[in-house]
């Protein structure tokens, strides 16, 4: 059972701390770190790893423990919303693994995090145990500072496991299971945050924009830019090149240029192929047009190396 895990940590400025988090993941035989992204303005790191389910589960628990040891949310500042030292812990099915199997794995991870580390847990997306906690943004609303108070007085804000009080320095972990999503950001050549926020409102699904898009407008003070920060929850419906075209159009209408875009973590090859075919107006293009894809059909790897 092959599983990807994409923990989001509330640390993106101290390289030694981020390395310690990666080392905790890699300390488990069978867990393979695939990618790491850190951002100082967000003060957040995303470490993508994968492997067989039991190894991934153990790495996730060890990473949570290490994050709680070295990250104090009382001293944490960054533009990205957060609730925990290890903020979000999603399990993603790969290969023949099913989403239901990842839901079961997420629940086991949450139970261990509370039982062994005494850090409260909220479950979200496919692993949600309460309907109003399906959406990550609904769970995290109020962040660490707000929820540590509300969880004590409002039953609807209490963790699914543990609590009601949050951990005094590590907050809570939001554990879930979901399909592959693409975390994709577009930076604008302006420091005017109102423009990024207006574009985010225009494109996100909840405001009637593009389907399967979540978006925030955030400041990037170190770069003197602003960012449209996005999660593309189904790239088959709205792939990155479609989002880029729309954000570029809206930015141009506001008199602003796109400075650059960035990928947080990894994305499927198919999304790259979709963008290539669209850019070249190549309707006959398919995955079988790529020589590496054709060659891969002759190999059947059963592990990650």
Protein backbone atom coordinates (compact mmCIF):
# COMPACT_ATOMS: atom_id res chain seq x y z
CA UNK A 1 0.00 0.00 0.00
CA UNK A 2 1.87 3.03 -1.30
CA UNK A 3 1.07 6.35 0.37
CA UNK A 4 2.26 9.94 0.05
CA UNK A 5 2.31 12.24 3.06
CA UNK A 6 2.66 16.02 2.81
CA UNK A 7 3.09 17.53 6.29
CA UNK A 8 3.04 21.33 6.57
CA UNK A 9 5.27 22.63 9.38
CA UNK A 10 5.13 26.07 11.00
CA UNK A 11 8.80 26.77 10.38
CA UNK A 12 10.29 28.20 7.22
CA UNK A 13 13.14 30.42 8.39
CA UNK A 14 15.50 28.29 10.47
CA UNK A 15 17.27 25.86 8.13
CA UNK A 16 18.58 23.74 11.00
CA UNK A 17 15.09 23.19 12.35
CA UNK A 18 13.75 22.25 8.95
CA UNK A 19 16.63 19.81 8.50
CA UNK A 20 15.77 18.27 11.87
CA UNK A 21 12.18 17.74 10.75
CA UNK A 22 13.35 16.09 7.54
CA UNK A 23 15.74 13.89 9.51
CA UNK A 24 12.88 12.71 11.73
CA UNK A 25 10.99 11.60 8.63
CA UNK A 26 14.02 9.93 7.06
CA UNK A 27 14.86 8.07 10.26
CA UNK A 28 12.27 5.44 9.37
CA UNK A 29 13.36 2.72 6.97
CA UNK A 30 11.08 2.74 3.97
CA UNK A 31 10.13 6.41 4.14
CA UNK A 32 11.55 8.40 1.26
CA UNK A 33 11.69 12.21 1.28
CA UNK A 34 10.83 13.38 -2.22
CA UNK A 35 10.82 17.14 -1.90
CA UNK A 36 11.10 20.04 0.53
CA UNK A 37 9.88 23.62 0.16
CA UNK A 38 10.44 26.38 2.73
CA UNK A 39 9.23 29.97 2.63
CA UNK A 40 10.37 32.70 5.02
CA UNK A 41 7.36 34.99 4.53
CA UNK A 42 4.92 32.14 5.12
CA UNK A 43 7.30 30.83 7.83
CA UNK A 44 6.26 27.39 6.69
CA UNK A 45 7.82 24.27 5.21
CA UNK A 46 6.24 21.44 3.25
CA UNK A 47 8.10 18.13 3.19
CA UNK A 48 6.77 15.52 0.77
CA UNK A 49 7.56 11.89 1.48
CA UNK A 50 6.20 8.51 0.45
CA UNK A 51 6.50 4.81 1.11
CA UNK A 52 4.59 1.83 2.38
CA UNK A 53 1.79 2.71 4.78
CA UNK A 54 3.36 1.53 8.02
CA UNK A 55 6.64 3.37 7.37
CA UNK A 56 4.78 6.55 6.41
CA UNK A 57 2.67 6.33 9.56
CA UNK A 58 5.74 6.00 11.77
CA UNK A 59 7.49 8.90 10.03
CA UNK A 60 4.41 11.09 10.46
CA UNK A 61 4.31 10.46 14.21
CA UNK A 62 8.05 11.05 14.61
CA UNK A 63 7.83 14.27 12.60
CA UNK A 64 4.97 15.47 14.80
CA UNK A 65 7.00 14.75 17.92
CA UNK A 66 10.05 16.59 16.56
CA UNK A 67 7.97 19.58 15.50
CA UNK A 68 6.50 19.83 19.00
CA UNK A 69 10.00 19.81 20.48
CA UNK A 70 11.46 22.62 18.37
CA UNK A 71 8.52 24.88 17.36
CA UNK A 72 6.69 27.17 19.78
CA UNK A 73 3.62 28.73 18.18
CA UNK A 74 3.63 31.47 20.80
CA UNK A 75 6.74 32.84 19.11
CA UNK A 76 5.75 31.97 15.54
CA UNK A 77 4.91 34.70 13.04
CA UNK A 78 4.14 34.25 9.36
CA UNK A 79 1.53 35.23 6.78
CA UNK A 80 0.14 31.72 6.31
CA UNK A 81 -2.68 30.57 8.64
CA UNK A 82 -1.65 27.84 11.10
CA UNK A 83 -3.00 25.90 14.05
CA UNK A 84 -0.16 23.55 14.90
CA UNK A 85 3.61 23.20 14.97
CA UNK A 86 2.93 20.41 12.53
CA UNK A 87 -0.10 22.15 11.11
CA UNK A 88 -1.58 19.87 8.47
CA UNK A 89 -0.90 16.16 7.99
CA UNK A 90 -2.59 14.77 4.85
CA UNK A 91 -2.27 11.18 3.62
CA UNK A 92 -2.61 10.76 -0.15
CA UNK A 93 -3.22 7.48 -2.02
CA UNK A 94 -0.68 6.46 -4.68
CA UNK A 95 -0.85 3.61 -7.16
CA UNK A 96 -3.57 1.12 -6.24
CA UNK A 97 -4.07 2.51 -2.73
CA UNK A 98 -7.59 3.78 -2.10
CA UNK A 99 -8.73 6.95 -0.40
CA UNK A 100 -10.58 4.83 2.18
CA UNK A 101 -7.29 3.15 3.10
CA UNK A 102 -5.75 6.58 3.63
CA UNK A 103 -8.71 7.59 5.80
CA UNK A 104 -8.02 4.60 8.04
CA UNK A 105 -4.32 5.51 8.13
CA UNK A 106 -5.14 9.13 9.02
CA UNK A 107 -7.32 7.99 11.91
CA UNK A 108 -4.56 5.71 13.20
CA UNK A 109 -2.06 8.57 12.97
CA UNK A 110 -4.36 10.89 14.87
CA UNK A 111 -4.93 8.34 17.60
CA UNK A 112 -1.18 7.83 18.05
CA UNK A 113 -0.47 11.57 18.05
CA UNK A 114 -2.92 12.10 20.89
CA UNK A 115 -2.09 8.93 22.82
CA UNK A 116 1.70 9.15 22.56
CA UNK A 117 2.37 12.88 22.24
CA UNK A 118 -0.68 14.41 23.97
CA UNK A 119 -1.24 16.81 21.09
CA UNK A 120 -4.94 17.25 20.20
CA UNK A 121 -6.12 16.29 16.72
CA UNK A 122 -8.72 17.57 14.28
CA UNK A 123 -9.67 15.40 11.30
CA UNK A 124 -10.47 16.99 7.92
CA UNK A 125 -11.38 16.26 4.30
CA UNK A 126 -12.14 12.56 3.66
CA UNK A 127 -11.05 11.70 7.23
CA UNK A 128 -13.42 14.25 8.83
CA UNK A 129 -15.54 12.83 11.63
CA UNK A 130 -17.85 15.85 11.66
CA UNK A 131 -19.44 17.26 8.48
CA UNK A 132 -18.46 20.85 9.25
CA UNK A 133 -14.78 19.84 9.34
CA UNK A 134 -14.46 18.62 5.77
CA UNK A 135 -12.87 21.88 4.60
CA UNK A 136 -9.43 22.65 6.02
CA UNK A 137 -10.11 26.38 6.18
CA UNK A 138 -13.17 25.78 8.36
CA UNK A 139 -11.15 23.72 10.83
CA UNK A 140 -8.30 26.21 11.02
CA UNK A 141 -10.41 29.37 11.20
CA UNK A 142 -9.27 31.43 14.17
CA UNK A 143 -5.81 29.85 14.09
CA UNK A 144 -3.81 28.94 17.19
CA UNK A 145 -4.49 32.15 19.09
CA UNK A 146 -8.24 32.09 18.55
CA UNK A 147 -8.93 28.37 18.83
CA UNK A 148 -6.98 27.87 22.05
CA UNK A 149 -9.64 30.08 23.68
CA UNK A 150 -12.70 28.94 21.73
CA UNK A 151 -11.96 25.25 22.21
CA UNK A 152 -12.46 25.71 25.94
CA UNK A 153 -15.93 27.25 25.65
CA UNK A 154 -17.42 26.22 22.30
CA UNK A 155 -18.09 22.50 21.79
CA UNK A 156 -18.09 22.92 18.00
CA UNK A 157 -14.46 24.07 18.18
CA UNK A 158 -13.11 21.26 20.34
CA UNK A 159 -10.63 18.78 18.86
CA UNK A 160 -11.83 15.39 17.65
CA UNK A 161 -9.22 13.73 19.85
CA UNK A 162 -7.87 15.16 23.08
CA UNK A 163 -8.40 18.57 24.53
CA UNK A 164 -10.46 20.54 24.92
CA UNK A 165 -7.32 22.61 25.57
CA UNK A 166 -4.79 22.79 22.77
CA UNK A 167 -1.15 21.92 23.44
CA UNK A 168 0.38 25.09 24.97
CA UNK A 169 3.17 25.37 22.38
CA UNK A 170 2.40 22.86 19.61
CA UNK A 171 -1.31 23.68 19.22
CA UNK A 172 -3.12 20.88 17.40
CA UNK A 173 -2.53 18.73 14.32
CA UNK A 174 -5.08 18.70 11.51
CA UNK A 175 -4.93 15.16 10.09
CA UNK A 176 -6.65 14.15 6.90
CA UNK A 177 -6.85 12.07 3.77
CA UNK A 178 -7.29 13.53 0.31
CA UNK A 179 -6.53 12.98 -3.36
CA UNK A 180 -3.49 14.64 -4.92
CA UNK A 181 -3.74 18.42 -5.00
CA UNK A 182 -1.41 21.03 -6.45
CA UNK A 183 -0.21 23.84 -4.19
CA UNK A 184 0.55 26.64 -6.62
CA UNK A 185 1.35 30.30 -6.01
CA UNK A 186 1.58 33.30 -8.32
CA UNK A 187 3.59 36.33 -7.20
CA UNK A 188 2.68 39.78 -8.48
CA UNK A 189 5.12 42.62 -9.17
CA UNK A 190 3.47 44.94 -6.67
CA UNK A 191 3.28 45.43 -2.92
CA UNK A 192 -0.42 46.31 -3.08
CA UNK A 193 -2.09 43.55 -1.08
CA UNK A 194 -5.57 44.66 -2.11
CA UNK A 195 -4.86 43.54 -5.69
CA UNK A 196 -3.83 40.01 -4.62
CA UNK A 197 -6.85 39.73 -2.34
CA UNK A 198 -9.21 40.90 -5.08
CA UNK A 199 -7.79 38.36 -7.55
CA UNK A 200 -8.01 35.58 -4.94
CA UNK A 201 -11.66 36.43 -4.32
CA UNK A 202 -12.38 36.42 -8.04
CA UNK A 203 -10.86 33.02 -8.78
CA UNK A 204 -11.73 30.90 -5.76
CA UNK A 205 -14.58 28.42 -6.02
CA UNK A 206 -16.38 29.60 -2.90
CA UNK A 207 -16.92 33.01 -4.51
CA UNK A 208 -18.12 31.59 -7.81
CA UNK A 209 -14.74 31.62 -9.53
CA UNK A 210 -12.80 28.73 -11.03
CA UNK A 211 -13.87 25.24 -9.93
CA UNK A 212 -11.66 23.33 -7.48
CA UNK A 213 -9.58 26.39 -6.54
CA UNK A 214 -8.87 27.72 -3.06
CA UNK A 215 -7.05 31.06 -2.95
CA UNK A 216 -5.71 33.69 -0.57
CA UNK A 217 -4.00 37.01 -1.16
CA UNK A 218 -0.86 37.25 0.99
CA UNK A 219 1.98 39.78 1.43
CA UNK A 220 5.59 38.80 0.72
CA UNK A 221 7.40 41.53 2.58
CA UNK A 222 10.89 40.14 2.00
CA UNK A 223 10.30 40.32 -1.76
CA UNK A 224 8.21 43.52 -1.80
CA UNK A 225 5.55 41.58 -3.66
CA UNK A 226 2.15 40.08 -3.00
CA UNK A 227 1.03 36.55 -3.73
CA UNK A 228 -2.06 34.73 -4.86
CA UNK A 229 -1.60 31.52 -2.87
CA UNK A 230 -3.67 28.58 -4.13
CA UNK A 231 -4.59 24.96 -3.68
CA UNK A 232 -5.90 23.29 -6.83
CA UNK A 233 -7.96 20.47 -5.38
CA UNK A 234 -8.65 18.73 -8.72
CA UNK A 235 -6.12 19.62 -11.40
CA UNK A 236 -8.03 17.57 -13.96
CA UNK A 237 -10.78 20.19 -13.77
CA UNK A 238 -8.66 23.30 -13.21
CA UNK A 239 -4.97 22.76 -13.99
CA UNK A 240 -2.19 25.26 -13.21
CA UNK A 241 -1.95 26.73 -16.72
CA UNK A 242 -5.64 27.69 -16.63
CA UNK A 243 -5.18 29.40 -13.28
CA UNK A 244 -2.05 31.18 -14.49
CA UNK A 245 -3.89 32.55 -17.52
CA UNK A 246 -6.77 33.86 -15.42
CA UNK A 247 -4.59 35.42 -12.74
CA UNK A 248 -2.45 37.02 -15.45
CA UNK A 249 -5.57 38.46 -17.09
CA UNK A 250 -6.90 39.88 -13.83
CA UNK A 251 -3.49 41.25 -12.87
CA UNK A 252 -3.11 42.96 -16.24
CA UNK A 253 -6.56 44.52 -15.84
CA UNK A 254 -5.32 45.97 -12.54
CA UNK A 255 -2.18 47.28 -14.22
CA UNK A 256 0.13 44.75 -12.57
CA UNK A 257 2.53 42.20 -14.03
CA UNK A 258 3.05 38.62 -12.88
CA UNK A 259 6.55 38.37 -11.37
CA UNK A 260 6.75 34.59 -11.16
CA UNK A 261 4.89 31.50 -10.09
CA UNK A 262 5.96 28.69 -7.81
CA UNK A 263 5.07 25.13 -6.99
CA UNK A 264 4.92 24.02 -3.36
CA UNK A 265 5.77 20.34 -3.18
CA UNK A 266 5.21 18.17 -6.24
CA UNK A 267 2.64 17.83 -8.98
CA UNK A 268 1.64 15.01 -11.31
CA UNK A 269 3.25 14.65 -14.73
CA UNK A 270 -0.19 14.83 -16.30
CA UNK A 271 -0.58 18.46 -15.17
CA UNK A 272 2.65 19.36 -16.96
CA UNK A 273 1.49 17.57 -20.09
CA UNK A 274 -1.85 19.39 -20.00
CA UNK A 275 -0.10 22.76 -19.86
CA UNK A 276 2.28 21.82 -22.67
CA UNK A 277 -0.53 20.68 -24.96
CA UNK A 278 -2.51 23.84 -24.30
CA UNK A 279 0.45 26.21 -24.79
CA UNK A 280 1.34 24.65 -28.15
CA UNK A 281 -2.31 24.26 -29.23
CA UNK A 282 -1.57 20.57 -29.71
CA UNK A 283 -4.93 18.71 -29.49
CA UNK A 284 -3.41 15.38 -30.58
CA UNK A 285 -0.87 15.39 -27.76
CA UNK A 286 -1.17 12.62 -25.15
CA UNK A 287 0.96 10.98 -22.49
CA UNK A 288 2.03 8.44 -25.10
CA UNK A 289 3.72 11.28 -27.01
CA UNK A 290 6.41 11.38 -24.31
CA UNK A 291 9.17 8.84 -24.78
CA UNK A 292 9.81 8.37 -21.05
CA UNK A 293 6.15 7.50 -20.53
CA UNK A 294 6.30 4.88 -23.24
CA UNK A 295 9.48 3.39 -21.82
CA UNK A 296 7.97 3.32 -18.34
CA UNK A 297 5.33 0.90 -19.60
CA UNK A 298 8.06 -1.72 -19.84
CA UNK A 299 9.02 -1.38 -16.18
CA UNK A 300 6.86 -2.10 -13.20
CA UNK A 301 8.63 -0.61 -10.15
CA UNK A 302 7.22 -1.80 -6.85
CA UNK A 303 9.20 0.53 -4.62
CA UNK A 304 10.55 4.04 -4.42
CA UNK A 305 14.30 4.41 -4.76
